[in-house]
N, C-alpha and C. Protein backbone atom coordinates (compact mmCIF):
# COMPACT_ATOMS: atom_id res chain seq x y z
N MET A 1 92.79 27.40 170.12
CA MET A 1 92.74 28.86 170.33
C MET A 1 94.04 29.37 170.92
N LYS A 2 94.58 28.58 171.89
CA LYS A 2 95.85 28.99 172.50
C LYS A 2 96.97 28.99 171.47
N ARG A 3 96.94 28.00 170.60
CA ARG A 3 97.95 27.93 169.56
C ARG A 3 97.87 29.13 168.64
N PHE A 4 96.65 29.50 168.30
CA PHE A 4 96.43 30.68 167.46
C PHE A 4 96.95 31.94 168.14
N SER A 5 96.72 32.06 169.46
CA SER A 5 97.19 33.22 170.22
C SER A 5 98.71 33.30 170.22
N LYS A 6 99.35 32.13 170.34
CA LYS A 6 100.81 32.10 170.32
C LYS A 6 101.35 32.57 168.97
N ILE A 7 100.68 32.17 167.91
CA ILE A 7 101.09 32.59 166.56
C ILE A 7 100.96 34.10 166.41
N ILE A 8 99.85 34.66 166.92
CA ILE A 8 99.64 36.12 166.86
C ILE A 8 100.74 36.85 167.62
N VAL A 9 101.07 36.36 168.83
CA VAL A 9 102.11 36.99 169.65
C VAL A 9 103.46 36.91 168.94
N LEU A 10 103.78 35.74 168.37
CA LEU A 10 105.04 35.56 167.65
C LEU A 10 105.12 36.50 166.45
N PHE A 11 104.03 36.61 165.71
CA PHE A 11 103.98 37.49 164.56
C PHE A 11 104.19 38.94 164.98
N ALA A 12 103.59 39.36 166.09
CA ALA A 12 103.74 40.72 166.60
C ALA A 12 105.19 41.00 167.00
N MET A 13 105.85 39.99 167.59
CA MET A 13 107.25 40.15 167.99
C MET A 13 108.15 40.32 166.77
N ILE A 14 107.84 39.58 165.72
CA ILE A 14 108.63 39.70 164.48
C ILE A 14 108.47 41.07 163.87
N ILE A 15 107.23 41.58 163.86
CA ILE A 15 106.97 42.90 163.31
C ILE A 15 107.66 43.98 164.14
N ALA A 16 107.67 43.80 165.46
CA ALA A 16 108.24 44.82 166.35
C ALA A 16 109.75 44.77 166.40
N ALA A 17 110.36 43.64 166.00
CA ALA A 17 111.81 43.46 166.14
C ALA A 17 112.65 44.53 165.45
N PRO A 18 112.33 44.92 164.20
CA PRO A 18 113.17 45.92 163.55
C PRO A 18 113.31 47.21 164.35
N SER A 19 112.23 47.70 164.94
CA SER A 19 112.31 48.95 165.68
C SER A 19 113.14 48.81 166.95
N ALA A 20 113.26 47.58 167.45
CA ALA A 20 114.07 47.37 168.65
C ALA A 20 115.54 47.61 168.39
N PHE A 21 115.94 47.52 167.12
CA PHE A 21 117.33 47.70 166.77
C PHE A 21 117.55 49.01 166.01
N ALA A 22 116.66 49.95 166.17
CA ALA A 22 116.76 51.22 165.45
C ALA A 22 118.01 51.98 165.89
N GLN A 23 118.56 52.77 164.97
CA GLN A 23 119.70 53.61 165.28
C GLN A 23 119.30 54.67 166.31
N THR A 24 120.26 55.09 167.13
CA THR A 24 120.01 56.12 168.13
C THR A 24 120.19 57.50 167.52
N LYS A 25 119.24 58.37 167.76
CA LYS A 25 119.32 59.75 167.25
C LYS A 25 120.33 60.52 168.08
N GLY A 26 121.12 61.39 167.42
CA GLY A 26 122.07 62.23 168.14
C GLY A 26 123.49 62.10 167.61
N TYR A 27 124.44 62.58 168.42
CA TYR A 27 125.86 62.58 168.05
C TYR A 27 126.36 61.16 167.85
N GLU A 28 127.15 60.96 166.79
CA GLU A 28 127.66 59.63 166.46
C GLU A 28 129.09 59.76 165.95
N LYS A 29 129.95 58.86 166.40
CA LYS A 29 131.33 58.88 165.92
C LYS A 29 131.77 57.46 165.58
N SER A 30 132.80 57.36 164.74
CA SER A 30 133.30 56.05 164.35
C SER A 30 134.77 56.14 163.96
N ILE A 31 135.43 55.01 164.04
CA ILE A 31 136.80 54.86 163.58
C ILE A 31 136.81 53.74 162.56
N GLU A 32 137.44 53.98 161.41
CA GLU A 32 137.46 52.96 160.37
C GLU A 32 138.84 52.79 159.75
N LEU A 33 139.09 51.57 159.32
CA LEU A 33 140.30 51.23 158.57
C LEU A 33 139.90 50.98 157.13
N ASN A 34 140.74 51.38 156.19
CA ASN A 34 140.42 51.15 154.78
C ASN A 34 141.66 50.70 154.02
N GLY A 35 141.41 49.95 152.97
CA GLY A 35 142.46 49.53 152.05
C GLY A 35 141.97 49.64 150.63
N GLY A 36 142.80 50.21 149.75
CA GLY A 36 142.40 50.43 148.37
C GLY A 36 143.12 49.51 147.40
N ILE A 37 142.37 48.93 146.46
CA ILE A 37 142.91 48.07 145.41
C ILE A 37 142.73 48.81 144.08
N PRO A 38 143.80 49.09 143.34
CA PRO A 38 143.69 49.89 142.12
C PRO A 38 142.96 49.17 140.99
N ILE A 39 142.29 49.96 140.17
CA ILE A 39 141.65 49.41 138.97
C ILE A 39 142.19 50.10 137.72
N ASP A 40 143.29 50.84 137.85
CA ASP A 40 143.95 51.47 136.71
C ASP A 40 145.45 51.54 136.99
N LYS A 41 146.21 52.20 136.14
CA LYS A 41 147.67 52.23 136.25
C LYS A 41 148.20 53.37 137.11
N TYR A 42 147.32 54.17 137.71
CA TYR A 42 147.77 55.38 138.41
C TYR A 42 148.12 55.15 139.87
N SER A 43 147.95 53.94 140.38
CA SER A 43 148.30 53.65 141.77
C SER A 43 148.56 52.17 141.95
N LYS A 44 149.17 51.83 143.10
CA LYS A 44 149.45 50.42 143.44
C LYS A 44 148.53 49.94 144.56
N PHE A 45 148.40 50.74 145.63
CA PHE A 45 147.55 50.38 146.75
C PHE A 45 147.44 51.58 147.68
N SER A 46 146.52 51.50 148.64
CA SER A 46 146.43 52.51 149.69
C SER A 46 145.95 51.83 150.98
N ILE A 47 146.31 52.42 152.11
CA ILE A 47 145.86 51.93 153.40
C ILE A 47 145.75 53.13 154.34
N GLY A 48 144.69 53.16 155.17
CA GLY A 48 144.51 54.34 156.01
C GLY A 48 143.64 54.09 157.22
N ILE A 49 143.58 55.10 158.07
CA ILE A 49 142.72 55.09 159.26
C ILE A 49 142.05 56.45 159.36
N THR A 50 140.77 56.45 159.73
CA THR A 50 139.96 57.67 159.71
C THR A 50 139.06 57.77 160.93
N MET A 51 138.88 58.99 161.44
CA MET A 51 137.93 59.29 162.50
C MET A 51 136.80 60.11 161.90
N ILE A 52 135.55 59.69 162.15
CA ILE A 52 134.38 60.36 161.60
C ILE A 52 133.46 60.79 162.74
N ASN A 53 133.04 62.04 162.71
CA ASN A 53 132.11 62.57 163.69
C ASN A 53 130.93 63.20 162.97
N GLY A 54 129.74 63.03 163.55
CA GLY A 54 128.58 63.62 162.90
C GLY A 54 127.32 63.47 163.72
N TYR A 55 126.21 63.69 163.06
CA TYR A 55 124.91 63.68 163.75
C TYR A 55 123.94 62.78 162.99
N ARG A 56 123.29 61.89 163.74
CA ARG A 56 122.24 61.05 163.17
C ARG A 56 120.90 61.73 163.42
N PHE A 57 120.21 62.08 162.33
CA PHE A 57 118.95 62.81 162.43
C PHE A 57 117.76 61.89 162.70
N ASN A 58 117.84 60.68 162.17
CA ASN A 58 116.78 59.69 162.37
C ASN A 58 117.33 58.32 162.03
N ASN A 59 116.44 57.34 161.91
CA ASN A 59 116.89 55.98 161.62
C ASN A 59 117.56 55.84 160.25
N CYS A 60 117.33 56.80 159.38
CA CYS A 60 117.84 56.71 158.03
C CYS A 60 119.07 57.59 157.79
N LEU A 61 119.03 58.85 158.23
CA LEU A 61 120.00 59.85 157.77
C LEU A 61 121.08 60.17 158.79
N PHE A 62 122.34 60.10 158.33
CA PHE A 62 123.51 60.54 159.10
C PHE A 62 124.33 61.48 158.22
N ILE A 63 124.77 62.60 158.81
CA ILE A 63 125.67 63.54 158.11
C ILE A 63 126.85 63.83 159.04
N GLY A 64 128.06 63.71 158.50
CA GLY A 64 129.24 63.92 159.33
C GLY A 64 130.44 64.36 158.53
N ALA A 65 131.58 64.46 159.21
CA ALA A 65 132.84 64.87 158.60
C ALA A 65 133.94 63.94 159.09
N GLY A 66 134.89 63.66 158.21
CA GLY A 66 135.97 62.75 158.56
C GLY A 66 137.33 63.38 158.37
N VAL A 67 138.29 62.95 159.19
CA VAL A 67 139.68 63.34 159.04
C VAL A 67 140.52 62.09 159.25
N GLY A 68 141.50 61.87 158.38
CA GLY A 68 142.27 60.64 158.49
C GLY A 68 143.61 60.72 157.81
N TYR A 69 144.43 59.71 158.11
CA TYR A 69 145.75 59.57 157.49
C TYR A 69 145.69 58.42 156.49
N GLU A 70 146.36 58.59 155.36
CA GLU A 70 146.41 57.51 154.38
C GLU A 70 147.78 57.44 153.73
N TYR A 71 148.27 56.21 153.58
CA TYR A 71 149.49 55.97 152.80
C TYR A 71 149.03 55.50 151.43
N PHE A 72 149.42 56.25 150.40
CA PHE A 72 148.91 56.02 149.05
C PHE A 72 150.09 55.85 148.10
N ASN A 73 150.25 54.65 147.55
CA ASN A 73 151.33 54.37 146.61
C ASN A 73 150.85 54.73 145.21
N ALA A 74 151.29 55.88 144.71
CA ALA A 74 150.74 56.43 143.47
C ALA A 74 151.80 56.58 142.39
N LEU A 75 151.34 56.65 141.15
CA LEU A 75 152.23 56.87 140.01
C LEU A 75 152.93 58.22 140.17
N TYR A 76 154.26 58.18 140.10
CA TYR A 76 155.08 59.37 140.35
C TYR A 76 155.64 59.96 139.05
N SER A 77 156.11 59.07 138.16
CA SER A 77 156.64 59.54 136.88
C SER A 77 156.63 58.40 135.86
N THR A 78 156.62 58.78 134.61
CA THR A 78 156.76 57.82 133.52
C THR A 78 157.86 58.33 132.60
N SER A 79 158.49 57.42 131.89
CA SER A 79 159.48 57.83 130.90
C SER A 79 159.29 56.99 129.64
N HIS A 80 159.51 57.64 128.52
CA HIS A 80 159.38 56.97 127.23
C HIS A 80 160.56 57.37 126.36
N GLU A 81 161.21 56.39 125.79
CA GLU A 81 162.35 56.66 124.91
C GLU A 81 162.17 55.91 123.60
N TYR A 82 162.10 56.67 122.51
CA TYR A 82 162.00 56.07 121.18
C TYR A 82 163.42 55.77 120.70
N ILE A 83 163.71 54.50 120.43
CA ILE A 83 165.06 54.09 120.06
C ILE A 83 165.23 54.01 118.55
N SER A 84 164.37 53.27 117.91
CA SER A 84 164.41 53.14 116.46
C SER A 84 163.01 52.78 115.98
N LYS A 85 162.87 52.64 114.69
CA LYS A 85 161.56 52.36 114.13
C LYS A 85 160.96 51.10 114.76
N GLY A 86 159.84 51.28 115.41
CA GLY A 86 159.13 50.17 116.02
C GLY A 86 159.67 49.75 117.38
N ASN A 87 160.71 50.41 117.87
CA ASN A 87 161.31 50.06 119.15
C ASN A 87 161.30 51.24 120.12
N SER A 88 160.87 50.99 121.34
CA SER A 88 160.86 52.03 122.37
C SER A 88 160.91 51.38 123.74
N ILE A 89 161.29 52.18 124.73
CA ILE A 89 161.35 51.72 126.11
C ILE A 89 160.48 52.64 126.96
N SER A 90 159.59 52.05 127.76
CA SER A 90 158.73 52.83 128.65
C SER A 90 158.85 52.28 130.07
N THR A 91 158.91 53.16 131.05
CA THR A 91 158.97 52.76 132.46
C THR A 91 157.99 53.60 133.27
N GLN A 92 157.57 53.06 134.41
CA GLN A 92 156.70 53.77 135.34
C GLN A 92 157.30 53.66 136.74
N ASP A 93 157.35 54.78 137.44
CA ASP A 93 157.85 54.80 138.82
C ASP A 93 156.71 55.19 139.75
N TYR A 94 156.60 54.45 140.87
CA TYR A 94 155.57 54.71 141.88
C TYR A 94 156.24 55.15 143.18
N TYR A 95 155.53 55.97 143.93
CA TYR A 95 156.11 56.55 145.14
C TYR A 95 155.05 56.61 146.24
N GLY A 96 155.45 56.26 147.46
CA GLY A 96 154.52 56.29 148.58
C GLY A 96 154.24 57.70 149.05
N LYS A 97 152.97 58.05 149.15
CA LYS A 97 152.54 59.38 149.58
C LYS A 97 151.86 59.30 150.95
N SER A 98 152.21 60.21 151.84
CA SER A 98 151.52 60.35 153.12
C SER A 98 150.51 61.47 152.99
N MET A 99 149.24 61.16 153.21
CA MET A 99 148.18 62.14 152.94
C MET A 99 147.30 62.37 154.17
N LEU A 100 146.84 63.59 154.29
CA LEU A 100 145.77 63.94 155.23
C LEU A 100 144.49 64.05 154.42
N ARG A 101 143.46 63.30 154.84
CA ARG A 101 142.18 63.33 154.12
C ARG A 101 141.13 64.07 154.95
N LEU A 102 140.44 65.01 154.33
CA LEU A 102 139.37 65.78 154.96
C LEU A 102 138.14 65.67 154.06
N PHE A 103 137.01 65.22 154.61
CA PHE A 103 135.85 65.00 153.75
C PHE A 103 134.55 65.06 154.54
N GLY A 104 133.48 65.24 153.81
CA GLY A 104 132.14 65.16 154.37
C GLY A 104 131.50 63.84 153.97
N ARG A 105 130.61 63.33 154.83
CA ARG A 105 129.93 62.06 154.53
C ARG A 105 128.43 62.18 154.75
N VAL A 106 127.67 61.66 153.80
CA VAL A 106 126.22 61.51 153.94
C VAL A 106 125.92 60.03 153.85
N LYS A 107 125.14 59.53 154.81
CA LYS A 107 124.87 58.10 154.89
C LYS A 107 123.37 57.87 155.06
N ALA A 108 122.83 56.91 154.31
CA ALA A 108 121.40 56.60 154.38
C ALA A 108 121.21 55.11 154.64
N ASN A 109 120.74 54.77 155.84
CA ASN A 109 120.39 53.38 156.15
C ASN A 109 119.06 53.02 155.52
N LEU A 110 118.97 51.81 155.01
CA LEU A 110 117.77 51.39 154.28
C LEU A 110 116.75 50.69 155.16
N THR A 111 117.16 50.17 156.32
CA THR A 111 116.25 49.50 157.24
C THR A 111 116.58 49.87 158.68
N LYS A 112 115.71 49.46 159.61
CA LYS A 112 115.92 49.67 161.04
C LYS A 112 116.39 48.39 161.73
N THR A 113 116.68 47.38 160.97
CA THR A 113 116.98 46.06 161.52
C THR A 113 118.38 46.00 162.13
N LYS A 114 118.64 44.90 162.83
CA LYS A 114 119.92 44.71 163.50
C LYS A 114 121.08 44.70 162.49
N VAL A 115 120.85 44.13 161.33
CA VAL A 115 121.79 44.22 160.22
C VAL A 115 121.15 45.12 159.16
N SER A 116 121.72 46.31 158.99
CA SER A 116 121.09 47.32 158.13
C SER A 116 121.98 47.69 156.95
N PRO A 117 121.54 47.45 155.72
CA PRO A 117 122.31 47.90 154.55
C PRO A 117 122.22 49.41 154.42
N TYR A 118 123.24 50.01 153.83
CA TYR A 118 123.23 51.46 153.66
C TYR A 118 124.02 51.88 152.43
N PHE A 119 123.69 53.08 151.95
CA PHE A 119 124.47 53.77 150.93
C PHE A 119 125.11 54.99 151.58
N ALA A 120 126.33 55.33 151.16
CA ALA A 120 127.00 56.51 151.69
C ALA A 120 127.83 57.15 150.58
N GLY A 121 128.16 58.42 150.79
CA GLY A 121 129.01 59.12 149.84
C GLY A 121 129.96 60.05 150.56
N ASP A 122 131.24 60.01 150.18
CA ASP A 122 132.25 60.91 150.73
C ASP A 122 132.73 61.85 149.64
N VAL A 123 132.89 63.13 149.98
CA VAL A 123 133.47 64.12 149.07
C VAL A 123 134.40 64.99 149.89
N GLY A 124 135.64 65.19 149.39
CA GLY A 124 136.56 66.00 150.17
C GLY A 124 137.84 66.33 149.44
N TYR A 125 138.88 66.58 150.23
CA TYR A 125 140.16 67.06 149.71
C TYR A 125 141.29 66.36 150.45
N CYS A 126 142.35 66.03 149.73
CA CYS A 126 143.53 65.40 150.32
C CYS A 126 144.73 66.33 150.24
N ILE A 127 145.55 66.32 151.28
CA ILE A 127 146.79 67.10 151.33
C ILE A 127 147.96 66.13 151.34
N ASP A 128 148.80 66.21 150.33
CA ASP A 128 149.95 65.32 150.17
C ASP A 128 151.17 65.94 150.86
N PHE A 129 151.65 65.28 151.93
CA PHE A 129 152.81 65.80 152.67
C PHE A 129 154.11 65.60 151.89
N ASN A 130 154.09 64.73 150.87
CA ASN A 130 155.30 64.46 150.07
C ASN A 130 155.25 65.13 148.70
N ALA A 131 154.34 66.05 148.51
CA ALA A 131 154.19 66.70 147.20
C ALA A 131 155.46 67.45 146.82
N ASN A 132 155.82 67.40 145.53
CA ASN A 132 156.95 68.18 145.01
C ASN A 132 156.68 68.53 143.55
N ASP A 133 157.70 69.03 142.85
CA ASP A 133 157.51 69.49 141.48
C ASP A 133 157.22 68.35 140.51
N TRP A 134 157.51 67.11 140.89
CA TRP A 134 157.29 65.99 139.99
C TRP A 134 155.91 65.38 140.14
N GLY A 135 155.42 65.31 141.36
CA GLY A 135 154.14 64.64 141.54
C GLY A 135 153.46 64.99 142.84
N SER A 136 152.14 64.82 142.87
CA SER A 136 151.35 65.13 144.06
C SER A 136 150.00 64.46 143.98
N THR A 137 149.49 64.05 145.15
CA THR A 137 148.12 63.54 145.22
C THR A 137 147.19 64.55 145.90
N SER A 138 147.69 65.76 146.16
CA SER A 138 146.82 66.80 146.72
C SER A 138 145.69 67.10 145.74
N GLY A 139 144.48 67.20 146.26
CA GLY A 139 143.35 67.49 145.39
C GLY A 139 142.09 66.79 145.84
N ILE A 140 141.11 66.77 144.98
CA ILE A 140 139.80 66.24 145.34
C ILE A 140 139.81 64.72 145.49
N MET A 141 138.88 64.23 146.28
CA MET A 141 138.60 62.81 146.36
C MET A 141 137.10 62.63 146.53
N PHE A 142 136.59 61.53 146.02
CA PHE A 142 135.16 61.22 146.18
C PHE A 142 135.00 59.71 146.24
N GLU A 143 133.94 59.28 146.92
CA GLU A 143 133.73 57.83 147.06
C GLU A 143 132.29 57.48 147.36
N PRO A 144 131.54 57.00 146.38
CA PRO A 144 130.24 56.37 146.66
C PRO A 144 130.51 54.97 147.19
N GLN A 145 129.67 54.51 148.12
CA GLN A 145 129.93 53.20 148.73
C GLN A 145 128.63 52.54 149.19
N PHE A 146 128.72 51.23 149.36
CA PHE A 146 127.61 50.44 149.88
C PHE A 146 128.14 49.58 151.02
N GLY A 147 127.36 49.48 152.13
CA GLY A 147 127.84 48.72 153.27
C GLY A 147 126.73 48.12 154.10
N LEU A 148 127.15 47.48 155.19
CA LEU A 148 126.24 46.87 156.15
C LEU A 148 126.60 47.34 157.55
N ASP A 149 125.59 47.79 158.31
CA ASP A 149 125.73 48.12 159.72
C ASP A 149 125.31 46.92 160.56
N PHE A 150 126.09 46.62 161.60
CA PHE A 150 125.77 45.53 162.52
C PHE A 150 125.59 46.12 163.92
N LYS A 151 124.37 46.10 164.41
CA LYS A 151 124.05 46.68 165.71
C LYS A 151 124.49 45.76 166.84
N LEU A 152 125.21 46.32 167.84
CA LEU A 152 125.63 45.59 169.02
C LEU A 152 125.03 46.24 170.26
N PRO A 153 125.11 45.60 171.42
CA PRO A 153 124.57 46.22 172.64
C PRO A 153 125.29 47.52 173.00
N GLU A 154 124.64 48.30 173.86
CA GLU A 154 125.22 49.54 174.40
C GLU A 154 125.52 50.58 173.31
N ASN A 155 124.66 50.65 172.30
CA ASN A 155 124.80 51.64 171.23
C ASN A 155 126.14 51.58 170.51
N ILE A 156 126.70 50.40 170.41
CA ILE A 156 127.93 50.19 169.66
C ILE A 156 127.60 49.40 168.40
N GLY A 157 128.28 49.68 167.34
CA GLY A 157 128.02 48.96 166.10
C GLY A 157 129.30 48.74 165.30
N LEU A 158 129.26 47.74 164.45
CA LEU A 158 130.33 47.49 163.50
C LEU A 158 129.77 47.71 162.09
N TYR A 159 130.65 48.02 161.16
CA TYR A 159 130.19 48.13 159.78
C TYR A 159 131.31 47.75 158.82
N ALA A 160 130.89 47.34 157.65
CA ALA A 160 131.80 47.00 156.56
C ALA A 160 131.23 47.57 155.28
N ALA A 161 132.11 48.06 154.41
CA ALA A 161 131.63 48.69 153.18
C ALA A 161 132.64 48.51 152.06
N VAL A 162 132.15 48.64 150.85
CA VAL A 162 133.01 48.64 149.67
C VAL A 162 132.56 49.80 148.78
N GLY A 163 133.53 50.50 148.21
CA GLY A 163 133.18 51.66 147.40
C GLY A 163 134.16 51.88 146.26
N TYR A 164 133.80 52.80 145.38
CA TYR A 164 134.71 53.23 144.32
C TYR A 164 135.33 54.55 144.75
N ARG A 165 136.64 54.58 144.84
CA ARG A 165 137.36 55.78 145.28
C ARG A 165 138.01 56.47 144.10
N GLY A 166 137.72 57.75 143.91
CA GLY A 166 138.40 58.57 142.92
C GLY A 166 139.33 59.53 143.63
N GLN A 167 140.61 59.50 143.27
CA GLN A 167 141.63 60.29 143.97
C GLN A 167 142.49 61.07 142.98
N ASN A 168 142.60 62.38 143.18
CA ASN A 168 143.44 63.20 142.31
C ASN A 168 144.89 62.71 142.36
N ASN A 169 145.55 62.67 141.20
CA ASN A 169 146.96 62.29 141.15
C ASN A 169 147.65 63.02 139.99
N THR A 170 148.73 63.73 140.32
CA THR A 170 149.54 64.42 139.32
C THR A 170 150.92 63.77 139.25
N TYR A 171 151.37 63.46 138.04
CA TYR A 171 152.70 62.88 137.86
C TYR A 171 153.39 63.56 136.68
N THR A 172 154.68 63.26 136.50
CA THR A 172 155.46 63.86 135.42
C THR A 172 155.76 62.81 134.37
N ALA A 173 155.50 63.13 133.13
CA ALA A 173 155.80 62.24 132.00
C ALA A 173 157.04 62.77 131.28
N PHE A 174 158.08 61.93 131.19
CA PHE A 174 159.32 62.31 130.54
C PHE A 174 159.42 61.65 129.16
N ASP A 175 159.84 62.44 128.17
CA ASP A 175 160.15 61.92 126.85
C ASP A 175 161.65 62.03 126.68
N LEU A 176 162.35 60.90 126.63
CA LEU A 176 163.81 60.88 126.59
C LEU A 176 164.37 60.70 125.19
N THR A 177 163.52 60.72 124.18
CA THR A 177 163.97 60.52 122.81
C THR A 177 164.95 61.62 122.41
N LEU A 178 166.08 61.21 121.81
CA LEU A 178 167.11 62.14 121.40
C LEU A 178 166.53 63.22 120.48
N GLY A 179 166.81 64.45 120.80
CA GLY A 179 166.32 65.57 120.00
C GLY A 179 164.92 65.99 120.36
N HIS A 180 164.29 65.29 121.30
CA HIS A 180 162.92 65.64 121.68
C HIS A 180 162.73 65.51 123.20
N SER A 181 163.83 65.59 123.95
CA SER A 181 163.75 65.42 125.40
C SER A 181 162.90 66.52 126.02
N GLY A 182 162.07 66.13 126.97
CA GLY A 182 161.21 67.09 127.65
C GLY A 182 160.31 66.36 128.64
N ASN A 183 159.51 67.12 129.36
CA ASN A 183 158.59 66.50 130.30
C ASN A 183 157.35 67.37 130.43
N GLU A 184 156.30 66.76 130.92
CA GLU A 184 155.06 67.50 131.15
C GLU A 184 154.32 66.91 132.35
N LYS A 185 153.60 67.78 133.05
CA LYS A 185 152.77 67.34 134.16
C LYS A 185 151.43 66.82 133.62
N ARG A 186 150.99 65.71 134.22
CA ARG A 186 149.69 65.15 133.83
C ARG A 186 148.89 64.86 135.09
N THR A 187 147.63 65.22 135.05
CA THR A 187 146.76 65.01 136.20
C THR A 187 145.59 64.12 135.81
N PHE A 188 145.38 63.08 136.61
CA PHE A 188 144.29 62.15 136.38
C PHE A 188 143.60 61.84 137.71
N ILE A 189 142.43 61.25 137.62
CA ILE A 189 141.74 60.73 138.80
C ILE A 189 142.05 59.24 138.88
N ALA A 190 142.84 58.86 139.90
CA ALA A 190 143.16 57.46 140.11
C ALA A 190 141.94 56.75 140.67
N GLY A 191 141.67 55.54 140.20
CA GLY A 191 140.50 54.78 140.65
C GLY A 191 140.90 53.57 141.47
N LEU A 192 140.23 53.37 142.61
CA LEU A 192 140.48 52.22 143.46
C LEU A 192 139.17 51.64 143.97
N ILE A 193 139.18 50.34 144.23
CA ILE A 193 138.10 49.71 144.99
C ILE A 193 138.52 49.79 146.46
N ASP A 194 137.74 50.51 147.25
CA ASP A 194 138.09 50.77 148.65
C ASP A 194 137.26 49.88 149.56
N ILE A 195 137.94 49.14 150.42
CA ILE A 195 137.27 48.25 151.38
C ILE A 195 137.45 48.82 152.78
N LYS A 196 136.33 48.93 153.53
CA LYS A 196 136.35 49.59 154.84
C LYS A 196 135.79 48.68 155.93
N PHE A 197 136.38 48.79 157.12
CA PHE A 197 135.85 48.14 158.32
C PHE A 197 135.89 49.17 159.45
N GLY A 198 134.78 49.33 160.16
CA GLY A 198 134.74 50.36 161.20
C GLY A 198 133.96 49.94 162.42
N ILE A 199 134.17 50.73 163.49
CA ILE A 199 133.39 50.57 164.72
C ILE A 199 132.72 51.90 165.02
N ARG A 200 131.43 51.85 165.31
CA ARG A 200 130.63 53.04 165.57
C ARG A 200 130.24 53.05 167.05
N PHE A 201 130.37 54.21 167.68
CA PHE A 201 130.02 54.29 169.12
C PHE A 201 129.58 55.70 169.48
């Protein structure tokens, strides 16, 4: 009988454990580092730091806003020169951009456990401090992501996430072919796999 009682108590502790690690309701802030790996030809890499402030409504829902700095190595210009039949030369130039990122974030935790998986989405706008007539990364950005929250003592937590980042990028395409020289602006959404590590407090 005593053994049975111990099993009941142990089972009750296991059931109660998730709520012991529930997120705290109220104001929440975090600092995160991110690095982007390109999946297309419109960028080389990105690295940044961001501060996020917001409100946790319950164990599941967090809504906040972020502001951060990012160095983004993006496609700046391309050139194409037709030399003769079947022969041409093409080059691509990349340039480092310093950007201010402003965005909103919605985050949904899937469990109340000490290690909690979550989905989040960022939507916002970037301001390129190096923008000029040839190229700019100023414009929209968006990022759906999936991550894990790690609960620590004293309402502190760590998290890691991976997401798909879409970033506006405008560059200039030059045609250097004799008799047809010219250029045009082209705007695309650069795609990156974004990896994030943050501390929540």
